[in-house]
Amino acid sequence: MADDGRSRREARILPALIGAGIAVAIAVGVLAYAAGHYGERTKTVTTQATGPGATPAPTTRVSPQVAAGAHTFVQFACAQCHGLDGRGGVDPAVPALKSVGQTLTIAQLKHIIDHGLGASANPKQPYMPVWGEVISKTQVADLVAYIRAGLPAVTGTQPVSVPAGQGAAVAGAALYVRYGCVNCHGPNGLGGVPNPLSADKTIPPLSGGDFRGEFNTDAKIAAVIRSGSVIGRAPIVSMPHWGGILSKQQIAELIAYLKTLK
């Protein structure tokens, strides 16, 4: 009797277990199909942010020297006069390097970088300043390699962005780096960059009592930013004209930043 009862219970339970197993198998199959089907329709795509001032992703591999030249090109504000990737368009007096890079020899390019070119008394006429006493021979060689390679796009070489809506001094601090002021006048305007034939042998600082005494008004600071100080040929480092490059607002923002320095 006990065996008959057990057999009847197993007969009732077995179909239920089989049905549950079939249901689970169906559910797993549905989920697997859904995952596979959805995976076929969606793909992960990695993109690089673009926008004003952004450099597109490189389409070809470049040598370490060319990559270094691209970074130096942005760090020393070459891009702010010659345009991103040397495309030009910033000012008629400044050539697009993509078009002239192949017409000049390596020696000619090095000489122009070291000694400058086209100095003018017109504050709205940009010119190539002297870089020989500011950047190293290695950096010059890197720049020449980058120019001779056609100034290819290199990731991570976007100029510093200028924050909006955070006040003039914040924007000015970013402009100070973006336009290469930091390379000659030092972080926080502390100076110290060599200028061998100048009176004190260095590029003047933009902070401290001497600077504030000589440039004691916003108008005086704005004037020297616009007109620069062409005081001779290489190896004298001279202040380039920014009057044709920087807007009135940008000059005012730079002044606001300089006034925060100690």
C-alpha atoms as a PDB file:
ATOM      1  CA  MET A   1       0.000   0.000   0.000  1.00  0.00           C
ATOM      2  CA  ALA A   2       2.786   2.394   0.935  1.00  0.00           C
ATOM      3  CA  ASP A   3       4.524   1.626  -2.343  1.00  0.00           C
ATOM      4  CA  ASP A   4       1.343   2.294  -4.287  1.00  0.00           C
ATOM      5  CA  GLY A   5       0.877   5.691  -2.532  1.00  0.00           C
ATOM      6  CA  ARG A   6       4.483   6.691  -3.225  1.00  0.00           C
ATOM      7  CA  SER A   7       4.093   5.731  -6.891  1.00  0.00           C
ATOM      8  CA  ARG A   8       0.928   7.823  -7.215  1.00  0.00           C
ATOM      9  CA  ARG A   9       2.626  10.893  -5.603  1.00  0.00           C
ATOM     10  CA  GLU A  10       5.656  10.560  -7.893  1.00  0.00           C
ATOM     11  CA  ALA A  11       3.345  10.272 -10.883  1.00  0.00           C
ATOM     12  CA  ARG A  12       1.700  13.599  -9.900  1.00  0.00           C
ATOM     13  CA  ILE A  13       5.010  15.427  -9.062  1.00  0.00           C
ATOM     14  CA  LEU A  14       7.013  14.320 -12.130  1.00  0.00           C
ATOM     15  CA  PRO A  15       4.890  16.154 -14.725  1.00  0.00           C
ATOM     16  CA  ALA A  16       5.039  19.312 -12.560  1.00  0.00           C
ATOM     17  CA  LEU A  17       8.817  19.132 -12.357  1.00  0.00           C
ATOM     18  CA  ILE A  18       9.110  18.542 -16.090  1.00  0.00           C
ATOM     19  CA  GLY A  19       6.788  21.485 -16.758  1.00  0.00           C
ATOM     20  CA  ALA A  20       8.828  23.751 -14.478  1.00  0.00           C
ATOM     21  CA  GLY A  21      12.043  22.653 -16.187  1.00  0.00           C
ATOM     22  CA  ILE A  22      10.584  23.412 -19.596  1.00  0.00           C
ATOM     23  CA  ALA A  23       9.447  26.852 -18.388  1.00  0.00           C
ATOM     24  CA  VAL A  24      12.927  27.668 -17.053  1.00  0.00           C
ATOM     25  CA  ALA A  25      14.535  26.512 -20.301  1.00  0.00           C
ATOM     26  CA  ILE A  26      12.167  28.696 -22.310  1.00  0.00           C
ATOM     27  CA  ALA A  27      12.847  31.696 -20.069  1.00  0.00           C
ATOM     28  CA  VAL A  28      16.630  31.242 -20.399  1.00  0.00           C
ATOM     29  CA  GLY A  29      16.292  30.893 -24.139  1.00  0.00           C
ATOM     30  CA  VAL A  30      14.228  34.071 -24.386  1.00  0.00           C
ATOM     31  CA  LEU A  31      16.743  36.025 -22.321  1.00  0.00           C
ATOM     32  CA  ALA A  32      19.661  34.677 -24.337  1.00  0.00           C
ATOM     33  CA  TYR A  33      17.950  35.573 -27.611  1.00  0.00           C
ATOM     34  CA  ALA A  34      17.089  39.025 -26.343  1.00  0.00           C
ATOM     35  CA  ALA A  35      20.640  39.669 -25.198  1.00  0.00           C
ATOM     36  CA  GLY A  36      22.099  38.418 -28.450  1.00  0.00           C
ATOM     37  CA  HIS A  37      19.564  40.254 -30.585  1.00  0.00           C
ATOM     38  CA  TYR A  38      20.077  43.526 -28.675  1.00  0.00           C
ATOM     39  CA  GLY A  39      23.844  43.075 -28.854  1.00  0.00           C
ATOM     40  CA  GLU A  40      23.589  42.807 -32.623  1.00  0.00           C
ATOM     41  CA  ARG A  41      21.745  46.099 -32.852  1.00  0.00           C
ATOM     42  CA  THR A  42      23.916  48.143 -30.444  1.00  0.00           C
ATOM     43  CA  LYS A  43      27.651  48.677 -30.468  1.00  0.00           C
ATOM     44  CA  THR A  44      29.932  50.612 -28.129  1.00  0.00           C
ATOM     45  CA  VAL A  45      31.422  53.559 -29.988  1.00  0.00           C
ATOM     46  CA  THR A  46      34.242  55.627 -28.539  1.00  0.00           C
ATOM     47  CA  THR A  47      34.293  59.199 -29.785  1.00  0.00           C
ATOM     48  CA  GLN A  48      36.497  62.184 -29.094  1.00  0.00           C
ATOM     49  CA  ALA A  49      34.815  65.384 -28.007  1.00  0.00           C
ATOM     50  CA  THR A  50      34.895  68.064 -30.642  1.00  0.00           C
ATOM     51  CA  GLY A  51      34.112  71.737 -30.597  1.00  0.00           C
ATOM     52  CA  PRO A  52      35.824  75.091 -30.820  1.00  0.00           C
ATOM     53  CA  GLY A  53      39.530  74.588 -30.330  1.00  0.00           C
ATOM     54  CA  ALA A  54      39.332  70.799 -30.311  1.00  0.00           C
ATOM     55  CA  THR A  55      41.881  68.779 -32.284  1.00  0.00           C
ATOM     56  CA  PRO A  56      40.464  65.793 -34.208  1.00  0.00           C
ATOM     57  CA  ALA A  57      41.801  62.320 -33.552  1.00  0.00           C
ATOM     58  CA  PRO A  58      44.891  61.506 -35.607  1.00  0.00           C
ATOM     59  CA  THR A  59      44.352  59.430 -38.718  1.00  0.00           C
ATOM     60  CA  THR A  60      47.961  58.285 -38.973  1.00  0.00           C
ATOM     61  CA  ARG A  61      50.639  57.293 -36.503  1.00  0.00           C
ATOM     62  CA  VAL A  62      53.304  59.903 -35.840  1.00  0.00           C
ATOM     63  CA  SER A  63      56.820  59.624 -34.465  1.00  0.00           C
ATOM     64  CA  PRO A  64      57.574  60.675 -30.885  1.00  0.00           C
ATOM     65  CA  GLN A  65      59.463  63.699 -32.224  1.00  0.00           C
ATOM     66  CA  VAL A  66      56.511  64.872 -34.320  1.00  0.00           C
ATOM     67  CA  ALA A  67      54.182  64.338 -31.352  1.00  0.00           C
ATOM     68  CA  ALA A  68      56.525  66.355 -29.120  1.00  0.00           C
ATOM     69  CA  GLY A  69      56.555  69.117 -31.720  1.00  0.00           C
ATOM     70  CA  ALA A  70      52.764  69.214 -31.735  1.00  0.00           C
ATOM     71  CA  HIS A  71      52.704  69.669 -27.960  1.00  0.00           C
ATOM     72  CA  THR A  72      55.373  72.397 -28.114  1.00  0.00           C
ATOM     73  CA  PHE A  73      53.395  74.098 -30.891  1.00  0.00           C
ATOM     74  CA  VAL A  74      50.443  74.502 -28.513  1.00  0.00           C
ATOM     75  CA  GLN A  75      52.452  75.104 -25.332  1.00  0.00           C
ATOM     76  CA  PHE A  76      54.281  78.094 -26.813  1.00  0.00           C
ATOM     77  CA  ALA A  77      51.126  79.560 -28.385  1.00  0.00           C
ATOM     78  CA  CYS A  78      52.215  78.983 -31.989  1.00  0.00           C
ATOM     79  CA  ALA A  79      48.650  77.812 -32.573  1.00  0.00           C
ATOM     80  CA  GLN A  80      47.261  81.154 -31.389  1.00  0.00           C
ATOM     81  CA  CYS A  81      48.936  82.956 -34.306  1.00  0.00           C
ATOM     82  CA  HIS A  82      49.327  80.267 -36.967  1.00  0.00           C
ATOM     83  CA  GLY A  83      46.023  78.539 -36.212  1.00  0.00           C
ATOM     84  CA  LEU A  84      45.311  75.050 -34.884  1.00  0.00           C
ATOM     85  CA  ASP A  85      47.386  72.490 -36.780  1.00  0.00           C
ATOM     86  CA  GLY A  86      48.980  75.436 -38.605  1.00  0.00           C
ATOM     87  CA  ARG A  87      45.852  76.064 -40.689  1.00  0.00           C
ATOM     88  CA  GLY A  88      46.227  79.851 -40.486  1.00  0.00           C
ATOM     89  CA  GLY A  89      43.281  82.227 -40.609  1.00  0.00           C
ATOM     90  CA  VAL A  90      44.126  84.113 -37.420  1.00  0.00           C
ATOM     91  CA  ASP A  91      45.638  87.184 -39.070  1.00  0.00           C
ATOM     92  CA  PRO A  92      46.616  87.984 -42.688  1.00  0.00           C
ATOM     93  CA  ALA A  93      50.180  88.804 -41.579  1.00  0.00           C
ATOM     94  CA  VAL A  94      50.699  85.314 -40.127  1.00  0.00           C
ATOM     95  CA  PRO A  95      51.162  82.517 -42.688  1.00  0.00           C
ATOM     96  CA  ALA A  96      49.489  79.132 -42.596  1.00  0.00           C
ATOM     97  CA  LEU A  97      52.323  76.743 -41.846  1.00  0.00           C
ATOM     98  CA  LYS A  98      50.678  73.895 -43.728  1.00  0.00           C
ATOM     99  CA  SER A  99      51.319  75.800 -46.943  1.00  0.00           C
ATOM    100  CA  VAL A 100      54.859  77.058 -46.237  1.00  0.00           C
ATOM    101  CA  GLY A 101      56.321  74.213 -44.221  1.00  0.00           C
ATOM    102  CA  GLN A 102      57.399  72.222 -47.276  1.00  0.00           C
ATOM    103  CA  THR A 103      58.797  75.226 -49.134  1.00  0.00           C
ATOM    104  CA  LEU A 104      61.390  76.006 -46.453  1.00  0.00           C
ATOM    105  CA  THR A 105      64.428  73.906 -45.576  1.00  0.00           C
ATOM    106  CA  ILE A 106      65.092  72.563 -42.091  1.00  0.00           C
ATOM    107  CA  ALA A 107      67.842  75.154 -41.645  1.00  0.00           C
ATOM    108  CA  GLN A 108      65.521  77.979 -42.701  1.00  0.00           C
ATOM    109  CA  LEU A 109      62.776  76.898 -40.312  1.00  0.00           C
ATOM    110  CA  LYS A 110      65.231  76.631 -37.405  1.00  0.00           C
ATOM    111  CA  HIS A 111      66.632  80.090 -38.180  1.00  0.00           C
ATOM    112  CA  ILE A 112      63.174  81.691 -38.226  1.00  0.00           C
ATOM    113  CA  ILE A 113      62.216  80.082 -34.912  1.00  0.00           C
ATOM    114  CA  ASP A 114      65.495  81.067 -33.277  1.00  0.00           C
ATOM    115  CA  HIS A 115      65.775  84.601 -34.666  1.00  0.00           C
ATOM    116  CA  GLY A 116      62.209  85.690 -35.366  1.00  0.00           C
ATOM    117  CA  LEU A 117      60.893  87.301 -38.529  1.00  0.00           C
ATOM    118  CA  GLY A 118      58.980  90.337 -39.731  1.00  0.00           C
ATOM    119  CA  ALA A 119      59.331  92.694 -36.747  1.00  0.00           C
ATOM    120  CA  SER A 120      57.119  95.753 -37.155  1.00  0.00           C
ATOM    121  CA  ALA A 121      56.444  98.971 -35.265  1.00  0.00           C
ATOM    122  CA  ASN A 122      52.726  98.581 -36.006  1.00  0.00           C
ATOM    123  CA  PRO A 123      51.111  97.087 -32.874  1.00  0.00           C
ATOM    124  CA  LYS A 124      48.350  95.542 -34.982  1.00  0.00           C
ATOM    125  CA  GLN A 125      50.864  93.782 -37.239  1.00  0.00           C
ATOM    126  CA  PRO A 126      51.827  90.460 -35.600  1.00  0.00           C
ATOM    127  CA  TYR A 127      55.354  89.209 -36.162  1.00  0.00           C
ATOM    128  CA  MET A 128      57.387  86.130 -35.349  1.00  0.00           C
ATOM    129  CA  PRO A 129      59.227  86.780 -32.057  1.00  0.00           C
ATOM    130  CA  VAL A 130      62.668  85.483 -31.076  1.00  0.00           C
ATOM    131  CA  TRP A 131      62.456  82.027 -29.491  1.00  0.00           C
ATOM    132  CA  GLY A 132      66.115  80.999 -29.491  1.00  0.00           C
ATOM    133  CA  GLU A 133      66.673  82.030 -25.867  1.00  0.00           C
ATOM    134  CA  VAL A 134      63.396  80.589 -24.609  1.00  0.00           C
ATOM    135  CA  ILE A 135      63.053  77.094 -26.057  1.00  0.00           C
ATOM    136  CA  SER A 136      65.716  74.399 -26.297  1.00  0.00           C
ATOM    137  CA  LYS A 137      67.413  73.047 -29.404  1.00  0.00           C
ATOM    138  CA  THR A 138      65.486  69.826 -28.906  1.00  0.00           C
ATOM    139  CA  GLN A 139      62.180  71.685 -28.884  1.00  0.00           C
ATOM    140  CA  VAL A 140      63.162  73.610 -32.019  1.00  0.00           C
ATOM    141  CA  ALA A 141      64.029  70.332 -33.758  1.00  0.00           C
ATOM    142  CA  ASP A 142      60.694  68.857 -32.626  1.00  0.00           C
ATOM    143  CA  LEU A 143      58.803  71.872 -33.990  1.00  0.00           C
ATOM    144  CA  VAL A 144      60.595  71.623 -37.323  1.00  0.00           C
ATOM    145  CA  ALA A 145      59.816  67.887 -37.540  1.00  0.00           C
ATOM    146  CA  TYR A 146      56.148  68.604 -36.798  1.00  0.00           C
ATOM    147  CA  ILE A 147      55.970  71.348 -39.447  1.00  0.00           C
ATOM    148  CA  ARG A 148      57.811  69.275 -42.049  1.00  0.00           C
ATOM    149  CA  ALA A 149      55.420  66.372 -41.358  1.00  0.00           C
ATOM    150  CA  GLY A 150      52.519  68.614 -42.373  1.00  0.00           C
ATOM    151  CA  LEU A 151      51.350  69.468 -38.846  1.00  0.00           C
ATOM    152  CA  PRO A 152      49.224  66.316 -38.381  1.00  0.00           C
ATOM    153  CA  ALA A 153      46.525  66.239 -35.720  1.00  0.00           C
ATOM    154  CA  VAL A 154      47.831  64.772 -32.462  1.00  0.00           C
ATOM    155  CA  THR A 155      45.544  63.898 -29.579  1.00  0.00           C
ATOM    156  CA  GLY A 156      45.973  65.767 -26.311  1.00  0.00           C
ATOM    157  CA  THR A 157      47.201  68.969 -27.957  1.00  0.00           C
ATOM    158  CA  GLN A 158      44.150  71.158 -27.475  1.00  0.00           C
ATOM    159  CA  PRO A 159      44.921  74.664 -26.179  1.00  0.00           C
ATOM    160  CA  VAL A 160      43.793  75.438 -22.629  1.00  0.00           C
ATOM    161  CA  SER A 161      40.088  76.260 -22.626  1.00  0.00           C
ATOM    162  CA  VAL A 162      38.964  79.610 -21.229  1.00  0.00           C
ATOM    163  CA  PRO A 163      36.163  79.265 -18.645  1.00  0.00           C
ATOM    164  CA  ALA A 164      33.092  81.411 -19.220  1.00  0.00           C
ATOM    165  CA  GLY A 165      30.955  82.977 -16.519  1.00  0.00           C
ATOM    166  CA  GLN A 166      33.549  82.616 -13.757  1.00  0.00           C
ATOM    167  CA  GLY A 167      34.893  86.145 -13.727  1.00  0.00           C
ATOM    168  CA  ALA A 168      37.526  88.098 -15.641  1.00  0.00           C
ATOM    169  CA  ALA A 169      40.459  86.978 -13.462  1.00  0.00           C
ATOM    170  CA  VAL A 170      39.684  83.279 -14.006  1.00  0.00           C
ATOM    171  CA  ALA A 171      39.446  83.789 -17.759  1.00  0.00           C
ATOM    172  CA  GLY A 172      42.662  85.837 -17.661  1.00  0.00           C
ATOM    173  CA  ALA A 173      44.535  83.067 -15.838  1.00  0.00           C
ATOM    174  CA  ALA A 174      43.586  80.641 -18.615  1.00  0.00           C
ATOM    175  CA  LEU A 175      44.524  83.157 -21.317  1.00  0.00           C
ATOM    176  CA  TYR A 176      47.904  83.642 -19.625  1.00  0.00           C
ATOM    177  CA  VAL A 177      48.637  79.975 -20.337  1.00  0.00           C
ATOM    178  CA  ARG A 178      46.773  79.659 -23.646  1.00  0.00           C
ATOM    179  CA  TYR A 179      48.680  82.541 -25.239  1.00  0.00           C
ATOM    180  CA  GLY A 180      52.058  81.455 -23.897  1.00  0.00           C
ATOM    181  CA  CYS A 181      52.644  84.357 -21.484  1.00  0.00           C
ATOM    182  CA  VAL A 182      53.647  81.799 -18.868  1.00  0.00           C
ATOM    183  CA  ASN A 183      56.551  80.589 -21.008  1.00  0.00           C
ATOM    184  CA  CYS A 184      58.357  83.945 -20.848  1.00  0.00           C
ATOM    185  CA  HIS A 185      57.029  85.669 -17.741  1.00  0.00           C
ATOM    186  CA  GLY A 186      56.839  82.537 -15.620  1.00  0.00           C
ATOM    187  CA  PRO A 187      54.083  81.005 -13.473  1.00  0.00           C
ATOM    188  CA  ASN A 188      52.231  83.720 -11.542  1.00  0.00           C
ATOM    189  CA  GLY A 189      54.252  86.296 -13.478  1.00  0.00           C
ATOM    190  CA  LEU A 190      57.374  85.594 -11.416  1.00  0.00           C
ATOM    191  CA  GLY A 191      59.740  85.989 -14.402  1.00  0.00           C
ATOM    192  CA  GLY A 192      63.232  84.503 -14.462  1.00  0.00           C
ATOM    193  CA  VAL A 193      63.438  83.465 -18.125  1.00  0.00           C
ATOM    194  CA  PRO A 194      66.856  84.486 -19.577  1.00  0.00           C
ATOM    195  CA  ASN A 195      67.107  87.515 -21.876  1.00  0.00           C
ATOM    196  CA  PRO A 196      70.909  87.820 -22.241  1.00  0.00           C
ATOM    197  CA  LEU A 197      71.221  91.290 -23.783  1.00  0.00           C
ATOM    198  CA  SER A 198      68.590  93.030 -21.683  1.00  0.00           C
ATOM    199  CA  ALA A 199      69.556  95.240 -18.746  1.00  0.00           C
ATOM    200  CA  ASP A 200      68.855  92.657 -16.033  1.00  0.00           C
ATOM    201  CA  LYS A 201      69.517  89.602 -18.247  1.00  0.00           C
ATOM    202  CA  THR A 202      65.992  88.227 -17.787  1.00  0.00           C
ATOM    203  CA  ILE A 203      62.479  88.760 -19.101  1.00  0.00           C
ATOM    204  CA  PRO A 204      60.765  91.042 -16.565  1.00  0.00           C
ATOM    205  CA  PRO A 205      58.263  89.646 -14.085  1.00  0.00           C
ATOM    206  CA  LEU A 206      54.643  90.750 -14.200  1.00  0.00           C
ATOM    207  CA  SER A 207      54.241  90.869 -10.436  1.00  0.00           C
ATOM    208  CA  GLY A 208      55.932  92.737  -7.622  1.00  0.00           C
ATOM    209  CA  GLY A 209      56.644  96.366  -6.809  1.00  0.00           C
ATOM    210  CA  ASP A 210      58.728  97.220  -9.875  1.00  0.00           C
ATOM    211  CA  PHE A 211      56.042  96.097 -12.306  1.00  0.00           C
ATOM    212  CA  ARG A 212      53.245  97.798 -10.376  1.00  0.00           C
ATOM    213  CA  GLY A 213      55.275 100.981 -10.137  1.00  0.00           C
ATOM    214  CA  GLU A 214      55.935 101.196 -13.874  1.00  0.00           C
ATOM    215  CA  PHE A 215      52.537  99.945 -14.998  1.00  0.00           C
ATOM    216  CA  ASN A 216      50.301 101.547 -12.409  1.00  0.00           C
ATOM    217  CA  THR A 217      47.165 101.796 -14.552  1.00  0.00           C
ATOM    218  CA  ASP A 218      45.136  99.350 -16.627  1.00  0.00           C
ATOM    219  CA  ALA A 219      45.714 101.553 -19.672  1.00  0.00           C
ATOM    220  CA  LYS A 220      49.504 101.221 -19.408  1.00  0.00           C
ATOM    221  CA  ILE A 221      49.297  97.433 -19.080  1.00  0.00           C
ATOM    222  CA  ALA A 222      46.898  97.215 -22.039  1.00  0.00           C
ATOM    223  CA  ALA A 223      49.202  99.378 -24.151  1.00  0.00           C
ATOM    224  CA  VAL A 224      52.254  97.168 -23.667  1.00  0.00           C
ATOM    225  CA  ILE A 225      50.225  94.013 -24.347  1.00  0.00           C
ATOM    226  CA  ARG A 226      49.003  95.491 -27.621  1.00  0.00           C
ATOM    227  CA  SER A 227      52.273  97.004 -28.801  1.00  0.00           C
ATOM    228  CA  GLY A 228      54.843  94.627 -27.339  1.00  0.00           C
ATOM    229  CA  SER A 229      58.445  95.765 -27.072  1.00  0.00           C
ATOM    230  CA  VAL A 230      60.597  95.227 -30.145  1.00  0.00           C
ATOM    231  CA  ILE A 231      63.970  96.116 -28.665  1.00  0.00           C
ATOM    232  CA  GLY A 232      66.373  94.414 -31.056  1.00  0.00           C
ATOM    233  CA  ARG A 233      67.339  91.270 -32.882  1.00  0.00           C
ATOM    234  CA  ALA A 234      68.297  87.840 -31.559  1.00  0.00           C
ATOM    235  CA  PRO A 235      69.458  86.897 -29.027  1.00  0.00           C
ATOM    236  CA  ILE A 236      67.314  89.605 -27.430  1.00  0.00           C
ATOM    237  CA  VAL A 237      63.864  88.199 -26.588  1.00  0.00           C
ATOM    238  CA  SER A 238      61.181  90.763 -27.396  1.00  0.00           C
ATOM    239  CA  MET A 239      57.530  91.065 -26.440  1.00  0.00           C
ATOM    240  CA  PRO A 240      55.398  90.342 -29.527  1.00  0.00           C
ATOM    241  CA  HIS A 241      52.478  92.498 -30.640  1.00  0.00           C
ATOM    242  CA  TRP A 242      49.193  91.108 -29.377  1.00  0.00           C
ATOM    243  CA  GLY A 243      47.080  94.022 -30.627  1.00  0.00           C
ATOM    244  CA  GLY A 244      46.057  92.180 -33.774  1.00  0.00           C
ATOM    245  CA  ILE A 245      45.435  88.858 -32.006  1.00  0.00           C
ATOM    246  CA  LEU A 246      43.810  89.542 -28.623  1.00  0.00           C
ATOM    247  CA  SER A 247      40.438  91.248 -28.314  1.00  0.00           C
ATOM    248  CA  LYS A 248      39.742  94.138 -25.927  1.00  0.00           C
ATOM    249  CA  GLN A 249      37.863  91.752 -23.653  1.00  0.00           C
ATOM    250  CA  GLN A 250      40.755  89.262 -23.575  1.00  0.00           C
ATOM    251  CA  ILE A 251      43.238  92.033 -22.744  1.00  0.00           C
ATOM    252  CA  ALA A 252      40.953  93.223 -19.946  1.00  0.00           C
ATOM    253  CA  GLU A 253      40.751  89.659 -18.605  1.00  0.00           C
ATOM    254  CA  LEU A 254      44.527  89.303 -18.670  1.00  0.00           C
ATOM    255  CA  ILE A 255      44.848  92.573 -16.744  1.00  0.00           C
ATOM    256  CA  ALA A 256      42.309  91.360 -14.178  1.00  0.00           C
ATOM    257  CA  TYR A 257      44.436  88.247 -13.651  1.00  0.00           C
ATOM    258  CA  LEU A 258      47.719  90.193 -13.367  1.00  0.00           C
ATOM    259  CA  LYS A 259      46.153  92.404 -10.702  1.00  0.00           C
ATOM    260  CA  THR A 260      45.568  89.334  -8.526  1.00  0.00           C
ATOM    261  CA  LEU A 261      49.278  88.447  -8.422  1.00  0.00           C
ATOM    262  CA  LYS A 262      51.389  89.146  -5.367  1.00  0.00           C
END
